[in-house]
Amino acid sequence: MFPLRDDNPTLITPYVTALIIAVNVAVWLVVEHAGAGPGYLQALCLHGLIPGELTGAIPAGTDIRSRGFQCTIGGSGWLTVLTSMFMHGGWMHLIGNMWFFWIFGNNVEDAMGPVRFIVFYLLCGAAAAAAQVVSSPASPVPTIGASGAIAGVMGAYLVLFPRVRIQTLFFLFFFIRVLAVPAWLILAEWFVLQVLSGSAGTAGGVAVWAHVGGFVAGMGLVPLFRSAARLEEKRRAGAGGGDPLY
């Protein structure tokens, strides 16, 4: 199942959601050189989160080689917890992440307000990074991507709007349809797949424990960041006095 859009109109223009998307695109094009040449590999080393570097499991000055790049451990530090969540490993990685973020992020921003939302997003990204480091504390491979923070947004959406309909592309062999599926089903399925993939060791280089950590953090942080007044306004606007889908 692949989500296309949600039946959940926003009340405000999601400026922060759009800004975060723009920053991710700009980092990919300018800092990562759109994935081309030595500049891209250097960006991975400098701005990607290397678990073994943060935990001290890999001594400073160690040269590491992995998946076609070489890094020297030391110097990047804890700032990579922030910088890594704005980096991506390819066009499809970027586009897929931003697609999911736009579908789910605009309404979570709507429910929190722009200032709360950006703090929430960054905290979810930090929690995702922590989960990935804990899962592989000696890993020499740079962890990059916005998906951990976006998983937090998805976790928040599950709590806030579990029954909102998501227009979803469903395909099974030659059967292809667009179906309206409740958000809880899409998001719960995605979360379970991440846990199963991580537990079975079939992630294939994907930081699934960052996804799990971000998602759980998003669900847990929602009560601190949601605005009751905004949610009530959304309910009233949704169905002239209260949309039962919320």
Protein backbone atom coordinates (compact mmCIF):
# COMPACT_ATOMS: atom_id res chain seq x y z
CA MET A 1 0.00 0.00 0.00
CA PHE A 2 1.27 3.45 -0.91
CA PRO A 3 -0.46 6.59 0.45
CA LEU A 4 -1.42 9.24 -2.11
CA ARG A 5 -3.25 11.85 -0.01
CA ASP A 6 -5.43 12.17 3.06
CA ASP A 7 -9.01 13.36 3.36
CA ASN A 8 -8.07 15.81 6.07
CA PRO A 9 -8.08 19.48 5.01
CA THR A 10 -5.79 21.91 6.80
CA LEU A 11 -6.90 25.16 8.38
CA ILE A 12 -3.61 27.00 8.01
CA THR A 13 -0.94 27.13 5.34
CA PRO A 14 1.71 24.57 6.46
CA TYR A 15 4.69 26.91 6.14
CA VAL A 16 6.98 24.86 8.40
CA THR A 17 6.24 21.64 6.53
CA ALA A 18 7.05 23.40 3.25
CA LEU A 19 10.19 24.97 4.77
CA ILE A 20 11.51 21.62 6.02
CA ILE A 21 10.95 20.10 2.58
CA ALA A 22 12.78 23.02 0.97
CA VAL A 23 15.73 22.65 3.36
CA ASN A 24 15.99 18.93 2.63
CA VAL A 25 15.99 19.57 -1.12
CA ALA A 26 18.55 22.37 -0.78
CA VAL A 27 20.88 20.18 1.31
CA TRP A 28 20.63 17.39 -1.26
CA LEU A 29 21.45 19.72 -4.14
CA VAL A 30 24.02 22.03 -2.54
CA VAL A 31 25.69 20.11 0.31
CA GLU A 32 25.44 16.59 -1.13
CA HIS A 33 25.89 17.66 -4.76
CA ALA A 34 22.80 15.63 -5.72
CA GLY A 35 24.67 12.44 -4.92
CA ALA A 36 27.45 12.97 -7.42
CA GLY A 37 31.23 12.89 -7.10
CA PRO A 38 33.59 13.17 -4.14
CA GLY A 39 31.62 16.07 -2.67
CA TYR A 40 28.77 13.70 -1.87
CA LEU A 41 31.03 11.20 -0.12
CA GLN A 42 32.71 13.97 1.84
CA ALA A 43 29.30 15.25 2.95
CA LEU A 44 28.37 11.78 4.21
CA CYS A 45 31.53 11.64 6.32
CA LEU A 46 31.23 15.15 7.72
CA HIS A 47 27.49 15.43 8.28
CA GLY A 48 26.22 11.85 8.54
CA LEU A 49 25.77 10.34 11.98
CA ILE A 50 28.34 7.59 12.55
CA PRO A 51 27.25 5.62 15.65
CA GLY A 52 30.75 4.31 16.43
CA GLU A 53 32.09 7.85 16.39
CA LEU A 54 29.48 9.18 18.82
CA THR A 55 29.84 6.29 21.28
CA GLY A 56 33.64 6.23 21.09
CA ALA A 57 33.56 2.61 19.96
CA ILE A 58 35.78 3.61 17.01
CA PRO A 59 38.90 5.52 18.10
CA ALA A 60 39.47 9.00 16.69
CA GLY A 61 41.75 9.01 13.67
CA THR A 62 40.58 5.60 12.47
CA ASP A 63 40.07 5.34 8.71
CA ILE A 64 36.93 3.43 7.84
CA ARG A 65 35.85 2.14 4.46
CA SER A 66 32.28 1.09 3.83
CA ARG A 67 29.99 0.96 0.80
CA GLY A 68 32.29 2.86 -1.51
CA PHE A 69 33.39 5.70 0.73
CA GLN A 70 36.17 6.37 3.20
CA CYS A 71 35.96 8.43 6.37
CA THR A 72 38.37 9.39 9.11
CA ILE A 73 36.72 9.17 12.52
CA GLY A 74 36.89 12.26 14.66
CA GLY A 75 35.72 15.85 14.51
CA SER A 76 32.06 15.58 13.49
CA GLY A 77 30.61 15.12 16.98
CA TRP A 78 27.07 15.43 18.24
CA LEU A 79 26.08 18.06 15.68
CA THR A 80 25.58 15.20 13.23
CA VAL A 81 22.44 14.23 15.18
CA LEU A 82 20.94 17.37 13.62
CA THR A 83 22.69 17.52 10.26
CA SER A 84 22.09 13.86 9.41
CA MET A 85 18.31 14.28 9.49
CA PHE A 86 18.45 16.67 6.53
CA MET A 87 20.55 14.41 4.29
CA HIS A 88 19.60 11.65 1.87
CA GLY A 89 21.19 8.79 -0.03
CA GLY A 90 19.55 9.26 -3.43
CA TRP A 91 16.76 10.89 -5.38
CA MET A 92 14.20 8.21 -4.52
CA HIS A 93 15.19 8.37 -0.85
CA LEU A 94 14.57 12.12 -0.87
CA ILE A 95 11.36 12.04 -2.90
CA GLY A 96 9.84 9.18 -0.91
CA ASN A 97 10.57 10.85 2.41
CA MET A 98 9.24 14.22 1.32
CA TRP A 99 6.11 12.64 -0.13
CA PHE A 100 5.25 10.95 3.17
CA PHE A 101 6.15 14.10 5.08
CA TRP A 102 3.81 16.27 3.02
CA ILE A 103 0.88 13.85 3.39
CA PHE A 104 1.15 13.54 7.16
CA GLY A 105 3.13 16.61 8.20
CA ASN A 106 0.76 19.38 7.14
CA ASN A 107 -2.06 18.21 9.43
CA VAL A 108 0.24 17.55 12.37
CA GLU A 109 1.55 21.10 11.96
CA ASP A 110 -2.08 22.21 11.79
CA ALA A 111 -2.76 20.52 15.12
CA MET A 112 0.31 21.97 16.86
CA GLY A 113 1.07 25.31 15.27
CA PRO A 114 4.31 26.13 13.46
CA VAL A 115 6.64 26.77 16.42
CA ARG A 116 5.61 23.69 18.38
CA PHE A 117 5.74 21.60 15.23
CA ILE A 118 9.34 22.41 14.33
CA VAL A 119 10.49 21.66 17.91
CA PHE A 120 8.50 18.42 17.82
CA TYR A 121 10.03 17.44 14.48
CA LEU A 122 13.59 17.98 15.66
CA LEU A 123 13.01 16.09 18.91
CA CYS A 124 11.60 13.13 16.98
CA GLY A 125 14.65 13.20 14.72
CA ALA A 126 16.95 13.20 17.75
CA ALA A 127 15.04 10.30 19.31
CA ALA A 128 15.31 8.38 16.03
CA ALA A 129 19.07 8.98 15.94
CA ALA A 130 19.40 7.78 19.54
CA ALA A 131 17.49 4.59 18.76
CA GLN A 132 19.73 3.85 15.80
CA VAL A 133 22.90 4.44 17.84
CA VAL A 134 21.65 2.17 20.62
CA SER A 135 20.82 -0.56 18.07
CA SER A 136 24.31 -0.41 16.46
CA PRO A 137 26.66 1.45 18.82
CA ALA A 138 29.86 0.43 17.01
CA SER A 139 28.65 0.87 13.43
CA PRO A 140 31.03 2.74 11.10
CA VAL A 141 28.30 3.43 8.54
CA PRO A 142 26.94 7.01 8.38
CA THR A 143 23.23 7.17 9.15
CA ILE A 144 21.37 9.78 7.10
CA GLY A 145 17.81 10.66 6.22
CA ALA A 146 14.74 12.53 7.41
CA SER A 147 12.75 9.32 7.80
CA GLY A 148 13.29 9.05 11.56
CA ALA A 149 11.84 12.50 12.17
CA ILE A 150 9.09 11.83 9.63
CA ALA A 151 8.29 8.58 11.45
CA GLY A 152 7.68 10.75 14.51
CA VAL A 153 5.22 12.82 12.50
CA MET A 154 3.50 9.62 11.39
CA GLY A 155 3.27 8.44 14.99
CA ALA A 156 1.67 11.76 15.93
CA TYR A 157 -0.80 11.44 13.05
CA LEU A 158 -1.81 7.99 14.30
CA VAL A 159 -2.67 9.45 17.71
CA LEU A 160 -4.36 12.60 16.39
CA PHE A 161 -6.28 11.31 13.36
CA PRO A 162 -6.51 7.51 13.51
CA ARG A 163 -9.73 7.20 11.48
CA VAL A 164 -9.09 9.81 8.81
CA ARG A 165 -9.26 8.23 5.36
CA ILE A 166 -6.04 7.94 3.38
CA GLN A 167 -6.39 7.56 -0.38
CA THR A 168 -4.01 4.66 -0.96
CA LEU A 169 -2.62 2.94 -4.02
CA PHE A 170 -3.11 -0.78 -3.42
CA PHE A 171 -1.41 -3.28 -5.70
CA LEU A 172 -1.23 -7.06 -5.61
CA PHE A 173 0.23 -8.60 -8.76
CA PHE A 174 -2.09 -7.27 -11.53
CA PHE A 175 -4.72 -5.91 -9.14
CA ILE A 176 -4.25 -2.15 -8.82
CA ARG A 177 -6.79 0.10 -7.13
CA VAL A 178 -6.98 3.36 -5.19
CA LEU A 179 -8.72 2.62 -1.89
CA ALA A 180 -9.76 4.83 1.03
CA VAL A 181 -8.09 3.24 4.07
CA PRO A 182 -8.19 4.50 7.68
CA ALA A 183 -4.95 6.10 8.78
CA TRP A 184 -4.49 3.69 11.69
CA LEU A 185 -4.31 0.73 9.30
CA ILE A 186 -1.68 2.33 7.03
CA LEU A 187 0.46 3.58 9.89
CA ALA A 188 0.18 0.47 12.05
CA GLU A 189 1.13 -1.73 9.10
CA TRP A 190 4.15 0.46 8.35
CA PHE A 191 5.29 0.38 11.98
CA VAL A 192 4.92 -3.39 12.31
CA LEU A 193 6.92 -3.90 9.11
CA GLN A 194 9.75 -1.78 10.53
CA VAL A 195 9.84 -3.80 13.76
CA LEU A 196 9.72 -7.13 11.93
CA SER A 197 12.41 -6.05 9.49
CA GLY A 198 14.70 -4.90 12.28
CA SER A 199 14.09 -8.00 14.38
CA ALA A 200 14.73 -10.35 11.46
CA GLY A 201 17.83 -8.49 10.30
CA THR A 202 16.39 -7.97 6.81
CA ALA A 203 16.53 -4.17 6.75
CA GLY A 204 19.05 -4.14 3.89
CA GLY A 205 20.92 -1.04 5.05
CA VAL A 206 17.75 0.87 6.05
CA ALA A 207 17.87 2.39 9.54
CA VAL A 208 14.64 0.71 10.67
CA TRP A 209 15.34 1.18 14.38
CA ALA A 210 15.55 4.93 13.75
CA HIS A 211 12.08 4.64 12.20
CA VAL A 212 10.82 2.72 15.23
CA GLY A 213 12.38 5.17 17.69
CA GLY A 214 11.04 8.19 15.86
CA PHE A 215 7.53 6.73 15.59
CA VAL A 216 7.35 5.86 19.29
CA ALA A 217 8.73 9.29 20.23
CA GLY A 218 6.12 10.97 18.04
CA MET A 219 3.29 9.09 19.74
CA GLY A 220 4.68 9.88 23.18
CA LEU A 221 5.32 13.57 22.56
CA VAL A 222 1.90 14.36 21.07
CA PRO A 223 0.23 15.28 24.40
CA LEU A 224 2.94 17.88 25.04
CA PHE A 225 2.71 19.56 21.64
CA ARG A 226 -0.87 19.29 20.35
CA SER A 227 -3.18 22.26 20.71
CA ALA A 228 -6.65 21.36 22.02
CA ALA A 229 -8.05 24.56 20.54
CA ARG A 230 -6.64 23.82 17.09
CA LEU A 231 -7.93 20.24 17.15
CA GLU A 232 -11.40 21.40 18.17
CA GLU A 233 -11.37 23.92 15.32
CA LYS A 234 -10.39 21.17 12.90
CA ARG A 235 -13.22 18.97 14.16
CA ARG A 236 -15.75 21.73 13.67
CA ALA A 237 -14.47 22.59 10.21
CA GLY A 238 -14.42 18.91 9.24
CA ALA A 239 -18.07 18.14 9.79
CA GLY A 240 -19.91 21.26 10.84
CA GLY A 241 -19.69 20.56 14.55
CA GLY A 242 -17.40 17.58 14.98
CA ASP A 243 -16.05 15.01 12.54
CA PRO A 244 -16.34 11.50 14.01
CA LEU A 245 -13.34 10.44 11.91
CA TYR A 246 -11.12 12.32 14.34
